[in-house]
Protein backbone atom coordinates (compact mmCIF):
# COMPACT_ATOMS: atom_id res chain seq x y z
CA MET A 1 0.03 0.10 0.02
CA SER A 2 1.33 3.10 -1.16
CA LEU A 3 1.69 6.05 1.83
CA PRO A 4 0.37 9.62 1.70
CA PHE A 5 3.58 10.97 2.90
CA PRO A 6 7.40 10.00 1.89
CA ASP A 7 8.88 7.23 3.90
CA HIS A 8 12.78 7.25 4.89
CA PRO A 9 14.49 4.25 3.46
CA LEU A 10 15.63 3.23 7.35
CA ARG A 11 12.13 3.39 8.94
CA HIS A 12 11.52 -0.02 8.96
CA ALA A 13 14.99 -1.43 9.84
CA VAL A 14 15.06 1.00 13.22
CA THR A 15 11.80 -0.15 13.96
CA GLN A 16 12.35 -3.79 13.43
CA GLU A 17 15.78 -3.25 15.63
CA LEU A 18 13.53 -2.81 18.75
CA HIS A 19 12.73 -6.33 18.39
CA VAL A 20 15.59 -8.38 17.62
CA ARG A 21 16.68 -9.26 20.81
CA THR A 22 12.95 -10.54 22.12
CA PHE A 23 11.91 -13.07 24.34
CA GLU A 24 9.86 -16.37 23.39
CA ALA A 25 7.41 -17.56 26.06
CA VAL A 26 8.09 -20.71 28.04
CA ARG A 27 5.90 -22.83 29.76
CA ALA A 28 7.35 -25.17 32.69
CA PRO A 29 8.59 -27.74 32.66
CA ALA A 30 11.12 -27.14 29.92
CA ALA A 31 14.98 -27.68 29.12
CA VAL A 32 17.16 -25.12 27.21
CA ALA A 33 20.48 -25.65 25.59
CA HIS A 34 21.91 -22.30 24.93
CA LEU A 35 25.33 -21.88 23.19
CA ALA A 36 27.47 -18.69 22.24
CA TYR A 37 30.18 -19.11 19.54
CA VAL A 38 32.76 -16.54 18.95
CA CYS A 39 32.84 -16.00 15.11
CA GLY A 40 34.04 -12.40 14.86
CA GLU A 41 32.60 -9.30 13.36
CA ARG A 42 32.73 -10.88 10.00
CA GLY A 43 31.52 -14.02 8.26
CA SER A 44 27.53 -13.49 9.02
CA GLY A 45 26.93 -15.15 5.85
CA VAL A 46 28.43 -18.74 6.99
CA ASN A 47 26.30 -18.32 10.48
CA VAL A 48 23.09 -17.63 8.21
CA ALA A 49 24.03 -20.47 5.69
CA HIS A 50 24.57 -23.01 8.81
CA LEU A 51 21.55 -22.29 10.37
CA LEU A 52 19.70 -22.81 6.71
CA ARG A 53 21.06 -26.18 6.67
CA LEU A 54 19.48 -27.29 10.09
CA LEU A 55 16.52 -26.14 9.09
CA SER A 56 16.49 -28.31 6.02
CA HIS A 57 17.41 -31.04 8.10
CA PHE A 58 14.12 -30.72 10.07
CA GLY A 59 12.38 -30.41 6.74
CA VAL A 60 11.60 -26.71 7.66
CA ALA A 61 10.75 -23.88 4.77
CA THR A 62 13.92 -22.17 4.76
CA PRO A 63 13.82 -18.26 4.37
CA ASP A 64 15.85 -16.32 2.24
CA ALA A 65 18.95 -15.31 4.15
CA ALA A 66 18.01 -11.64 3.81
CA GLU A 67 14.81 -12.57 5.71
CA VAL A 68 16.84 -14.20 8.80
CA GLY A 69 18.53 -10.81 9.88
CA GLN A 70 19.48 -10.63 13.31
CA TYR A 71 17.09 -12.52 15.08
CA TYR A 72 15.19 -15.78 14.09
CA PHE A 73 12.76 -18.19 15.60
CA VAL A 74 11.42 -21.33 14.46
CA ASP A 75 9.73 -24.33 15.93
CA LEU A 76 11.50 -27.47 14.84
CA GLY A 77 8.76 -30.13 16.08
CA GLU A 78 10.65 -31.56 19.07
CA LEU A 79 12.70 -28.37 19.74
CA ARG A 80 12.23 -24.66 19.18
CA LEU A 81 14.88 -22.47 18.33
CA ARG A 82 16.11 -19.16 18.90
CA TRP A 83 18.81 -17.66 16.56
CA GLU A 84 20.79 -14.51 17.42
CA ARG A 85 23.66 -12.55 15.61
CA HIS A 86 25.28 -10.26 17.95
CA THR A 87 28.45 -8.39 17.08
CA GLU A 88 31.50 -10.74 17.35
CA PHE A 89 29.28 -14.05 18.55
CA VAL A 90 25.95 -16.09 17.60
CA THR A 91 23.63 -17.84 20.38
CA TYR A 92 21.75 -21.01 19.69
CA SER A 93 18.92 -21.41 22.26
CA PHE A 94 17.03 -25.29 21.66
CA THR A 95 14.18 -25.45 24.20
CA ARG A 96 12.45 -28.72 24.35
CA SER A 97 9.33 -29.20 27.04
CA LEU A 98 9.52 -31.63 29.46
CA SER A 99 7.39 -34.47 31.06
CA PRO A 100 7.15 -33.42 35.04
CA ASP A 101 8.48 -37.15 36.25
CA ARG A 102 11.56 -36.42 33.80
CA ALA A 103 12.18 -33.00 34.91
CA ALA A 104 11.82 -33.90 38.83
CA ASP A 105 14.20 -37.23 38.13
CA HIS A 106 16.73 -35.94 36.16
CA PRO A 107 16.60 -32.42 34.96
CA PHE A 108 20.00 -32.60 33.20
CA ALA A 109 20.19 -35.94 32.02
CA LYS A 110 19.17 -35.50 28.39
CA ALA A 111 20.14 -32.18 26.94
CA PRO A 112 18.01 -31.02 23.95
CA LEU A 113 21.20 -31.01 21.73
CA ALA A 114 20.58 -34.79 21.60
CA ALA A 115 18.00 -34.34 18.75
CA LEU A 116 20.40 -32.47 16.75
CA PRO A 117 22.73 -33.85 14.15
CA PRO A 118 25.94 -34.47 15.33
CA ARG A 119 27.75 -33.22 12.08
CA TRP A 120 25.83 -30.05 12.17
CA LEU A 121 26.93 -29.45 15.54
CA ALA A 122 30.66 -30.46 14.97
CA ALA A 123 30.71 -27.95 12.18
CA LEU A 124 29.33 -24.93 13.98
CA PRO A 125 31.50 -21.92 12.10
CA GLY A 126 33.42 -20.43 15.09
CA GLN A 127 34.74 -21.32 18.68
CA VAL A 128 31.92 -21.80 21.51
CA VAL A 129 32.53 -19.45 24.61
CA THR A 130 29.94 -20.76 26.76
CA ALA A 131 27.37 -23.57 26.94
CA VAL A 132 24.69 -23.82 29.27
CA HIS A 133 21.78 -26.53 30.27
CA LEU A 134 19.04 -24.58 31.95
CA VAL A 135 16.03 -26.42 32.89
CA LEU A 136 12.54 -24.48 34.34
CA GLU A 137 10.51 -26.72 36.61
CA SER A 138 6.94 -26.12 37.39
CA ALA A 139 5.24 -25.05 40.77
CA ASP A 140 3.78 -28.06 40.88
CA MET A 141 6.95 -30.41 41.07
CA PRO A 142 8.45 -31.31 44.54
CA GLU A 143 10.65 -28.86 46.03
CA ARG A 144 14.69 -29.30 45.92
CA THR A 145 16.01 -29.85 49.08
CA ALA A 146 19.85 -28.61 49.74
CA SER A 147 20.95 -32.12 48.98
CA ASP A 148 19.17 -32.45 45.74
CA LEU A 149 20.86 -29.25 44.68
CA MET A 150 24.22 -30.48 45.62
CA THR A 151 23.72 -33.37 44.23
CA LEU A 152 22.44 -31.69 40.80
CA PHE A 153 25.85 -29.37 40.99
CA GLY A 154 28.12 -31.84 41.67
CA GLY A 155 29.02 -30.63 45.07
CA HIS A 156 30.37 -27.25 43.71
CA PRO A 157 29.01 -24.04 45.95
CA ILE A 158 25.72 -23.43 44.69
CA ILE A 159 24.66 -19.63 43.77
CA GLY A 160 21.18 -18.53 44.11
CA ALA A 161 17.95 -16.34 44.48
CA ARG A 162 14.74 -15.43 44.27
CA VAL A 163 14.14 -13.95 41.18
CA ALA A 164 11.10 -12.03 39.25
CA GLY A 165 10.13 -10.46 42.37
CA GLY A 166 9.95 -13.96 44.13
CA ALA A 167 7.98 -15.67 41.49
CA GLY A 168 10.50 -17.53 40.67
CA LEU A 169 14.00 -19.25 41.90
CA ALA A 170 17.35 -19.36 40.35
CA TRP A 171 20.31 -21.99 41.36
CA SER A 172 23.68 -22.45 39.58
CA ASP A 173 27.31 -23.04 40.09
CA LEU A 174 28.67 -21.07 36.95
CA ARG A 175 30.98 -23.98 36.25
CA ILE A 176 31.75 -26.46 33.34
CA HIS A 177 30.87 -30.00 33.77
CA ALA A 178 31.89 -33.54 32.49
CA ASP A 179 29.72 -33.08 29.67
CA GLY A 180 30.89 -29.65 28.84
CA PHE A 181 28.05 -27.73 29.74
CA GLY A 182 27.13 -25.29 32.59
CA ARG A 183 23.96 -26.23 34.49
CA ILE A 184 21.25 -23.34 35.63
CA LEU A 185 18.06 -24.33 37.34
CA LEU A 186 15.18 -22.28 37.81
CA ARG A 187 11.72 -22.91 39.62
CA ASP A 188 8.50 -21.52 38.33
CA CYS A 189 6.91 -20.21 41.66
CA GLY A 190 3.87 -18.25 40.05
CA LEU A 191 5.01 -17.14 36.63
CA THR A 192 3.18 -16.55 33.70
CA ASP A 193 4.46 -18.13 30.34
CA THR A 194 5.62 -14.85 29.17
CA GLN A 195 7.70 -14.27 32.59
CA ALA A 196 9.01 -17.46 32.39
CA GLY A 197 10.31 -16.85 28.86
CA ARG A 198 11.54 -12.98 29.75
CA LEU A 199 13.50 -14.55 33.05
CA VAL A 200 15.07 -17.44 30.76
CA LYS A 201 16.31 -14.91 28.36
CA ARG A 202 17.92 -12.70 30.91
CA VAL A 203 19.30 -15.28 33.15
CA LEU A 204 21.15 -17.02 29.71
CA ASP A 205 22.15 -12.89 28.96
CA VAL A 206 23.89 -13.01 32.13
CA ASN A 207 25.94 -16.23 31.37
CA THR A 208 26.97 -15.42 28.18
CA TYR A 209 27.94 -11.86 28.67
CA ARG A 210 29.93 -12.56 31.79
CA ALA A 211 31.67 -15.00 29.29
CA MET A 212 32.56 -12.10 26.94
CA ALA A 213 33.39 -9.78 29.14
CA LEU A 214 35.97 -12.12 30.40
CA LEU A 215 37.47 -12.56 27.45
CA GLY A 216 39.52 -9.44 27.60
CA LEU A 217 41.21 -10.48 31.32
CA PRO A 218 43.90 -12.55 28.98
CA ALA A 219 44.64 -9.69 26.98
CA ALA A 220 44.95 -7.55 29.63
CA ARG A 221 47.45 -9.67 31.73
CA SER A 222 49.31 -10.50 28.22
CA ALA A 223 49.89 -6.31 27.72
CA ALA A 224 50.49 -5.75 31.51
CA GLY A 225 54.12 -7.59 31.15
CA ILE A 226 54.82 -5.59 27.93
CA LEU A 227 53.62 -2.44 29.42
CA SER A 228 55.75 -2.62 32.25
CA ASP A 229 58.94 -3.07 30.32
CA ALA A 230 58.03 -0.19 28.21
CA GLU A 231 57.42 1.87 31.55
CA ARG A 232 60.80 0.80 32.58
CA ARG A 233 62.60 1.94 29.47
CA LEU A 234 60.32 5.33 29.27
CA ALA A 235 61.63 5.99 33.29
CA GLU A 236 65.31 5.03 31.79
CA LEU A 237 65.08 7.32 29.12
CA ALA A 238 63.61 10.20 31.33
CA GLY A 239 66.54 9.76 33.39
CA ARG A 240 68.86 10.07 30.59
CA MET A 241 67.24 12.98 29.26
CA GLY A 242 67.49 14.91 32.30
CA ARG A 243 71.12 14.15 32.92
CA GLY A 244 71.87 14.99 29.37
CA ALA A 245 69.59 18.40 29.88
CA GLY A 246 72.27 19.06 33.06
CA ARG A 247 75.26 18.81 30.92
CA GLY A 248 74.13 20.72 28.21
CA ARG A 249 73.59 23.63 30.88
CA ALA A 250 77.16 23.38 32.13
CA GLU A 251 78.65 22.97 28.86
CA ALA A 252 78.16 23.63 25.24
CA GLY A 253 76.76 20.60 23.38
CA GLY A 254 78.54 19.09 20.83
CA ALA A 255 77.96 16.82 18.05
CA GLY A 256 78.64 13.95 20.46
CA ASP A 257 75.58 15.73 22.31
CA THR A 258 73.52 15.84 19.08
CA LEU A 259 74.15 11.94 17.81
CA SER A 260 73.66 10.88 21.56
CA GLU A 261 70.06 12.39 21.88
CA ARG A 262 69.25 11.22 18.33
CA ALA A 263 69.97 7.63 19.53
CA MET A 264 67.55 8.21 22.38
CA LEU A 265 64.87 9.70 20.04
CA ALA A 266 65.31 6.42 17.88
CA GLU A 267 64.80 4.16 21.43
CA LEU A 268 61.95 6.45 22.49
CA THR A 269 60.52 5.94 18.94
CA ASP A 270 60.79 2.62 18.99
CA VAL A 271 59.01 2.20 22.85
CA ALA A 272 56.33 4.26 21.70
CA ALA A 273 55.25 2.04 18.48
CA GLU A 274 55.15 -1.16 20.88
CA ILE A 275 53.22 0.85 23.30
CA GLU A 276 50.60 1.66 20.21
CA SER A 277 50.97 -2.11 18.94
CA VAL A 278 49.89 -3.25 22.27
CA ALA A 279 46.93 -0.52 22.41
CA ALA A 280 45.64 -1.48 18.80
CA SER A 281 45.55 -5.20 19.54
CA THR A 282 43.63 -4.94 23.02
CA ALA A 283 41.87 -1.68 22.66
CA SER A 284 38.56 -3.06 20.87
CA ARG A 285 38.79 -5.89 23.37
CA PHE A 286 38.84 -3.71 26.45
CA ASP A 287 35.94 -1.51 25.19
CA ALA A 288 33.80 -4.59 24.38
CA THR A 289 34.54 -5.87 27.70
CA ALA A 290 33.28 -2.86 29.13
CA ALA A 291 30.41 -2.73 26.98
CA TYR A 292 29.34 -6.42 28.05
CA HIS A 293 29.72 -5.77 31.58
CA GLU A 294 27.60 -3.34 31.40
CA VAL A 295 24.60 -5.45 30.01
CA VAL A 296 25.45 -8.18 32.73
CA ARG A 297 24.80 -5.35 35.27
CA GLN A 298 21.92 -4.46 33.60
CA ARG A 299 20.31 -7.67 33.62
CA LEU A 300 21.21 -8.74 37.16
CA GLU A 301 18.98 -5.58 38.03
CA GLN A 302 16.21 -6.65 35.88
CA LEU A 303 16.42 -10.36 37.79
CA ARG A 304 14.98 -8.18 40.89
CA GLN A 305 16.75 -10.79 43.07
CA GLU A 306 16.22 -11.60 46.49
CA ARG A 307 18.37 -13.61 49.15
CA ILE A 308 18.05 -17.28 50.11
CA GLN A 309 18.95 -17.82 52.85
CA GLY A 310 22.83 -19.32 53.26
CA LEU A 311 23.15 -18.55 49.45
CA PRO A 312 24.92 -15.52 47.67
CA THR A 313 23.23 -14.15 44.87
CA PHE A 314 24.08 -13.78 41.56
CA THR A 315 25.00 -10.20 41.86
CA GLU A 316 27.02 -11.00 44.99
CA PHE A 317 29.06 -13.55 43.06
CA LEU A 318 29.54 -11.62 40.35
CA GLU A 319 30.77 -8.70 41.58
CA ALA A 320 33.56 -10.55 43.69
CA ARG A 321 34.63 -12.00 40.46
CA LEU A 322 33.85 -10.51 37.18
CA LEU A 323 34.26 -6.97 38.72
CA PRO A 324 37.76 -7.29 39.74
CA ALA A 325 38.43 -8.58 36.00
CA VAL A 326 36.62 -5.40 34.52
CA ASN A 327 38.64 -3.06 36.46
CA THR A 328 41.85 -5.00 35.53
CA CYS A 329 41.02 -4.43 31.70
CA MET A 330 40.08 -0.97 32.50
CA ALA A 331 43.12 -0.12 34.25
CA THR A 332 44.90 -1.59 31.67
CA GLY A 333 43.66 0.27 29.16
CA ARG A 334 43.85 3.30 31.11
CA ARG A 335 47.54 2.48 31.62
CA GLN A 336 47.88 2.31 27.91
CA HIS A 337 46.75 5.44 27.16
CA THR A 338 48.99 7.08 29.81
CA LEU A 339 52.03 5.48 28.50
CA ALA A 340 51.19 6.33 24.85
CA GLU A 341 50.99 10.29 26.15
CA ARG A 342 53.88 10.12 28.06
CA ALA A 343 55.56 8.52 24.91
CA ALA A 344 54.35 11.21 23.13
CA ARG A 345 55.82 14.14 25.24
CA MET A 346 58.99 12.86 25.80
CA THR A 347 59.37 12.40 21.64
CA ALA A 348 58.14 15.92 21.45
CA LEU A 349 60.80 17.35 23.87
CA LEU A 350 63.58 15.47 22.68
CA ARG A 351 63.11 16.74 19.15
CA ALA A 352 62.68 20.06 20.61
CA ARG A 353 66.30 19.62 21.92
CA VAL A 354 67.50 17.91 18.79
CA GLU A 355 66.55 20.83 16.73
CA VAL A 356 67.79 23.50 19.31
CA ARG A 357 71.18 21.65 18.99
CA LEU A 358 71.20 21.67 15.05
CA GLN A 359 70.02 25.01 14.98
CA GLU A 360 73.13 25.62 17.28
CA GLN A 361 75.54 24.10 15.16
CA ASN A 362 74.26 25.69 11.62
CA ARG A 363 74.38 28.92 13.69
CA SER A 364 77.99 28.25 14.27
CA LEU A 365 78.62 27.27 10.71
CA LEU A 366 76.88 30.31 9.64
CA ASP A 367 79.25 32.24 11.64
CA SER A 368 82.43 30.60 10.08
CA MET A 369 81.13 31.01 6.61
CA ASP A 370 80.57 34.94 7.62
CA ARG A 371 84.24 35.07 9.09
CA ARG A 372 85.74 33.41 5.63
CA ALA A 373 83.71 35.63 3.65
CA ARG A 374 85.11 38.72 5.10
CA LEU A 375 88.59 37.47 5.29
CA GLN A 376 87.89 36.84 0.99
CA LEU A 377 86.66 40.47 1.09
CA ARG A 378 89.69 41.72 2.18
CA LEU A 379 91.92 39.38 0.16
CA GLN A 380 89.76 40.23 -2.92
CA GLU A 381 90.16 44.26 -2.10
CA THR A 382 94.26 43.68 -1.80
CA VAL A 383 94.09 41.64 -5.25
CA GLU A 384 92.21 44.22 -6.79
CA GLY A 385 94.71 46.88 -5.42
CA LEU A 386 97.67 44.84 -6.88
CA SER A 387 95.71 44.09 -10.12
CA VAL A 388 95.65 48.06 -10.61
CA VAL A 389 99.16 48.34 -10.04
CA ALA A 390 100.03 45.56 -12.31
CA ILE A 391 98.44 46.89 -15.17
CA SER A 392 99.28 50.37 -14.92
CA TYR A 393 102.84 48.93 -14.89
CA TYR A 394 102.35 47.46 -18.15
CA GLY A 395 99.99 50.19 -19.39
CA LEU A 396 103.06 52.64 -18.85
CA GLY A 397 105.21 50.27 -20.46
CA LEU A 398 102.99 50.38 -23.84
CA VAL A 399 102.97 54.28 -23.63
CA GLY A 400 106.60 54.85 -22.94
CA TYR A 401 107.20 52.21 -26.41
CA LEU A 402 104.90 54.29 -28.02
CA LEU A 403 106.56 57.89 -26.84
CA LYS A 404 110.17 56.55 -27.67
CA GLY A 405 108.96 55.59 -31.08
CA LEU A 406 107.56 58.77 -31.94
CA ALA A 407 110.77 60.30 -30.82
CA GLU A 408 112.81 58.10 -32.98
CA VAL A 409 110.97 59.38 -36.42
CA GLY A 410 111.83 63.06 -35.38
CA LEU A 411 108.58 64.14 -33.66
CA PRO A 412 109.54 66.69 -30.34
CA VAL A 413 108.39 64.05 -27.57
CA ASP A 414 110.12 63.62 -24.47
CA PRO A 415 109.71 60.10 -23.71
CA VAL A 416 110.07 60.53 -20.00
CA LEU A 417 108.05 63.34 -19.37
CA GLY A 418 105.30 61.57 -21.79
CA ALA A 419 105.26 58.72 -19.54
CA MET A 420 105.08 60.93 -16.55
CA LEU A 421 102.06 62.69 -17.54
CA ALA A 422 100.25 59.51 -18.68
CA LEU A 423 100.69 57.87 -15.07
CA PRO A 424 97.62 59.23 -13.62
CA LEU A 425 95.70 58.54 -16.83
CA VAL A 426 96.47 54.86 -16.97
CA VAL A 427 96.28 54.30 -13.39
CA GLY A 428 92.75 55.68 -13.15
CA ALA A 429 91.94 53.99 -16.56
CA ALA A 430 92.79 50.69 -15.02
CA TRP A 431 91.19 51.31 -11.66
CA ILE A 432 87.71 52.62 -13.55
CA GLY A 433 87.71 49.49 -15.72
CA LEU A 434 88.29 47.34 -12.53
CA LYS A 435 85.31 48.51 -11.10
CA ARG A 436 83.21 48.65 -13.84
CA THR A 437 84.22 45.03 -14.67
CA LYS A 438 83.18 43.74 -10.84
CA ARG A 439 80.08 45.53 -11.03
CA ARG A 440 78.70 43.76 -14.29
CA LEU A 441 79.87 40.51 -12.45
CA HIS A 442 77.81 41.51 -9.38
CA ARG A 443 74.88 42.15 -11.67
CA ASP A 444 75.09 38.80 -13.96
CA ALA A 445 75.22 37.09 -10.65
CA ASP A 446 72.34 38.60 -9.42
CA PRO A 447 69.94 39.75 -11.70
CA ALA A 448 67.35 41.38 -9.24
CA ASP A 449 70.18 43.73 -8.36
């Protein structure tokens, strides 16, 4: 249907974005197998193609790849699948309804993944970062005792809380068990199907995003050693620069000081490059850690937890363990930024000192050249005087030969008197000729003058 007004090309996309992280209603008892695969920010087409292969296996009509988008929900018969594409990971949530007797006796005995083709599971693109079995028990099932919970979670310390304002109970140990999966047990104490689906989604989000947030901790620990070495080298260079500056004030710096400063500048550039390399490889990871931790914090608030006597809540447990790891990543990121700024300031200072030393050397060179030019000018003036004398001498010789020749032919000419009278004329002509020649040479050398 055509609209009576112009439609923005992104109108439907931004509206749909509000619904890509929705939840599905769940009726207890039910089991959920949740997988999160890290696959990077590229390769979404590979993940969609793998999803379509699963739909084809179950005989479900496969949509176009463009229709899948970031979120897809499909009923596979025995299982229901919720698929989500995030920035750098993909999640698969397989939900299966349970019979009350199976849910009561062995809630984690048979996971929903048993109904999936093994070859398809083995070919999932990416690497699993979290895999968890979640079971939602109904309100009419027998209540779990402390002994039952210890058995279900392998004797590990248990985390638990009343959630959804007391309408549900949640337990977990946040550990990986022998089957390679974590375990989460929820109990319906008066939840509607919609509330149960929302609770399942939030608990799974807490488990997924806390794992993604912790991916930054190994990077922070690896960067710490490199940054410590860079910090030590920066401190040593700063000390050498300070000692060099003290010597420079005490005595004039020479070529050796400039070469030493150039060597320090080269070393400082290497340290700065090393810091930037570490920052470039970890900055995006640390930013993602901060973003994932914020999601975990929001989901924990949305759970509306109340304490179960004798058990730590999910918020207490994660604040005691997740928050220090996140703070380590953030502190490492700030340390990288601080060291990069220090290296930049030291580089600028050292460059300025090298330039000042070079300018001092250039000034000394120019002074030396100026002295040489003055000496050359004096020598040139001396040579000009000698040239006038030499030219005048040869000129007078020619005039004398001329006068003697005239006297020989009988003309009344006194060669000695004539030479005496011609002396000032010859000397003046030689001097004027040299001056004109010098002026012409300067004019040819500098046409602007």
